Amino acid sequence: LHVRFRLGGYVFPPSVYYKIYTHGSITDVNAFAPRDYTAEFQPPPIKLHNKQKPGEATPQTDRSGWYRRFENNGWRPVAGSVFEDMVTVETSSKPVEWKPKATQRRADLVKRRKEKKLKWMQMMYLKGRSENGGEGAESEDIGAGG
């Protein structure tokens, strides 16, 4: 267990905030079985035990009542009023898209990393073009032997 401190806020003097981290694993029991079992419909045995015909679409499940994970480890003020502090409101209880399968979580992580890298590359490209005065590589004579 360790605690991190930082200065922040929207006015001067800054406020002191803390966040608690754990080194051990914490198990979110609802993440193992996120379904709402009270609203679950059990098909009759003839549909349950027979295989699906080829080309038949699998019905989509309604996930509206399923468990949603919230990250409640936002930055908390050391002193002061919690209700007036916007940093605390913005960082506490953020919903997290949680997939029950580890392979889905890893695939989502790879996808987020690729999107982040693509955004960064686009930003660097646009920044480079604006520094060159709008000139692209096609206007320069790189291969001309003159």
Protein backbone atom coordinates (compact mmCIF):
# COMPACT_ATOMS: atom_id res chain seq x y z
CA LEU A 1 0.00 0.00 0.00
CA HIS A 2 1.34 3.43 -0.87
CA VAL A 3 -0.06 6.95 -1.15
CA ARG A 4 0.78 9.56 -3.81
CA PHE A 5 0.37 13.27 -3.24
CA ARG A 6 0.08 16.08 -5.79
CA LEU A 7 -0.76 19.76 -5.98
CA GLY A 8 -3.73 20.82 -8.07
CA GLY A 9 -6.84 22.87 -8.42
CA TYR A 10 -8.12 25.73 -10.53
CA VAL A 11 -7.19 28.62 -8.22
CA PHE A 12 -4.05 29.73 -6.39
CA PRO A 13 -2.89 28.56 -3.84
CA PRO A 14 -3.14 24.96 -5.00
CA SER A 15 -4.80 22.24 -2.96
CA VAL A 16 -3.05 19.05 -1.85
CA TYR A 17 -4.57 15.81 -3.18
CA TYR A 18 -3.82 12.16 -2.43
CA LYS A 19 -4.51 8.82 -4.09
CA ILE A 20 -4.17 5.36 -2.52
CA TYR A 21 -2.57 2.47 -4.42
CA THR A 22 -2.22 -1.21 -3.47
CA HIS A 23 0.56 -3.55 -4.51
CA GLY A 24 -1.47 -6.71 -3.99
CA SER A 25 -4.28 -7.84 -6.20
CA ILE A 26 -7.83 -6.85 -5.39
CA THR A 27 -10.56 -9.10 -6.73
CA ASP A 28 -13.69 -7.60 -8.21
CA VAL A 29 -16.07 -10.52 -7.68
CA ASN A 30 -18.82 -9.10 -9.91
CA ALA A 31 -16.44 -9.00 -12.86
CA PHE A 32 -16.39 -12.81 -12.99
CA ALA A 33 -20.17 -13.03 -13.55
CA PRO A 34 -21.46 -9.65 -14.76
CA ARG A 35 -24.90 -10.85 -15.91
CA ASP A 36 -28.21 -10.00 -14.28
CA TYR A 37 -29.34 -13.54 -13.48
CA THR A 38 -32.81 -12.44 -12.29
CA ALA A 39 -33.74 -11.19 -15.76
CA GLU A 40 -32.14 -14.14 -17.57
CA PHE A 41 -34.46 -16.23 -19.77
CA GLN A 42 -33.80 -19.98 -19.84
CA PRO A 43 -34.70 -21.44 -23.26
CA PRO A 44 -36.55 -24.76 -23.40
CA PRO A 45 -34.37 -27.89 -23.48
CA ILE A 46 -35.03 -28.56 -27.17
CA LYS A 47 -33.48 -25.19 -28.08
CA LEU A 48 -30.84 -25.38 -25.40
CA HIS A 49 -29.32 -28.73 -26.41
CA ASN A 50 -29.70 -28.62 -30.21
CA LYS A 51 -26.96 -27.09 -32.30
CA GLN A 52 -27.49 -23.95 -34.33
CA LYS A 53 -28.00 -24.32 -38.08
CA PRO A 54 -25.18 -23.04 -40.32
CA GLY A 55 -25.72 -19.46 -41.45
CA GLU A 56 -28.12 -18.72 -38.59
CA ALA A 57 -27.28 -15.52 -36.72
CA THR A 58 -26.63 -15.67 -32.99
CA PRO A 59 -29.06 -13.45 -31.09
CA GLN A 60 -27.49 -10.43 -29.38
CA THR A 61 -27.78 -10.33 -25.61
CA ASP A 62 -29.18 -7.27 -23.87
CA ARG A 63 -26.50 -6.04 -21.46
CA SER A 64 -28.43 -3.11 -20.01
CA GLY A 65 -28.83 -4.62 -16.52
CA TRP A 66 -25.36 -6.12 -16.29
CA TYR A 67 -22.74 -5.12 -13.75
CA ARG A 68 -20.73 -2.01 -14.66
CA ARG A 69 -17.41 -1.39 -13.03
CA PHE A 70 -16.59 2.04 -11.60
CA GLU A 71 -13.13 3.22 -10.69
CA ASN A 72 -13.58 4.92 -7.31
CA ASN A 73 -9.93 5.76 -6.74
CA GLY A 74 -9.92 9.41 -7.77
CA TRP A 75 -7.79 12.19 -6.34
CA ARG A 76 -9.07 13.20 -2.89
CA PRO A 77 -8.33 16.51 -1.14
CA VAL A 78 -6.31 16.33 2.07
CA ALA A 79 -8.26 19.24 3.58
CA GLY A 80 -11.15 21.45 2.52
CA SER A 81 -14.65 21.00 1.23
CA VAL A 82 -15.10 17.99 -1.02
CA PHE A 83 -18.33 19.22 -2.62
CA GLU A 84 -16.87 22.46 -3.96
CA ASP A 85 -13.76 20.84 -5.44
CA MET A 86 -14.10 20.07 -9.17
CA VAL A 87 -10.93 17.94 -9.36
CA THR A 88 -12.45 15.46 -6.91
CA VAL A 89 -15.73 15.38 -8.82
CA GLU A 90 -13.98 14.82 -12.18
CA THR A 91 -11.66 12.03 -11.02
CA SER A 92 -13.94 10.03 -8.74
CA SER A 93 -16.27 7.24 -9.87
CA LYS A 94 -15.35 7.03 -13.54
CA PRO A 95 -17.09 4.18 -15.37
CA VAL A 96 -14.65 1.63 -16.76
CA GLU A 97 -15.44 -0.61 -19.73
CA TRP A 98 -14.78 -4.02 -18.20
CA LYS A 99 -14.71 -7.22 -20.21
CA PRO A 100 -14.99 -10.49 -18.26
CA LYS A 101 -12.47 -12.32 -20.47
CA ALA A 102 -8.77 -11.51 -20.26
CA THR A 103 -8.31 -11.97 -24.02
CA GLN A 104 -10.95 -9.28 -24.70
CA ARG A 105 -9.27 -6.92 -22.23
CA ARG A 106 -5.87 -7.46 -23.88
CA ALA A 107 -7.34 -6.89 -27.35
CA ASP A 108 -8.96 -3.65 -26.15
CA LEU A 109 -5.67 -2.53 -24.62
CA VAL A 110 -3.82 -3.13 -27.90
CA LYS A 111 -6.55 -1.25 -29.78
CA ARG A 112 -6.38 1.74 -27.39
CA ARG A 113 -2.57 1.84 -27.70
CA LYS A 114 -2.78 1.83 -31.51
CA GLU A 115 -5.37 4.63 -31.48
CA LYS A 116 -3.24 6.68 -29.06
CA LYS A 117 -0.15 6.19 -31.25
CA LEU A 118 -2.10 7.14 -34.38
CA LYS A 119 -3.36 10.35 -32.73
CA TRP A 120 0.18 11.21 -31.65
CA MET A 121 1.56 10.59 -35.15
CA GLN A 122 -1.16 12.76 -36.70
CA MET A 123 -0.42 15.55 -34.22
CA MET A 124 3.32 15.37 -34.97
CA TYR A 125 2.65 15.35 -38.72
CA LEU A 126 0.42 18.43 -38.52
CA LYS A 127 2.90 20.18 -36.24
CA GLY A 128 5.75 19.44 -38.69
CA ARG A 129 3.72 20.72 -41.63
CA SER A 130 2.87 23.95 -39.81
CA GLU A 131 6.55 24.51 -38.92
CA ASN A 132 7.55 24.05 -42.57
CA GLY A 133 5.08 26.71 -43.60
CA GLY A 134 2.70 24.26 -45.24
CA GLU A 135 5.34 22.79 -47.54
CA GLY A 136 5.13 19.05 -47.96
CA ALA A 137 7.74 16.55 -49.06
CA GLU A 138 6.39 16.67 -52.61
CA SER A 139 7.47 20.32 -53.11
CA GLU A 140 11.09 19.65 -52.16
CA ASP A 141 13.61 18.37 -54.71
CA ILE A 142 15.13 15.54 -52.73
CA GLY A 143 16.31 13.38 -55.63
CA ALA A 144 17.38 16.20 -57.95
CA GLY A 145 21.07 16.07 -58.76
CA GLY A 146 21.82 19.61 -59.60
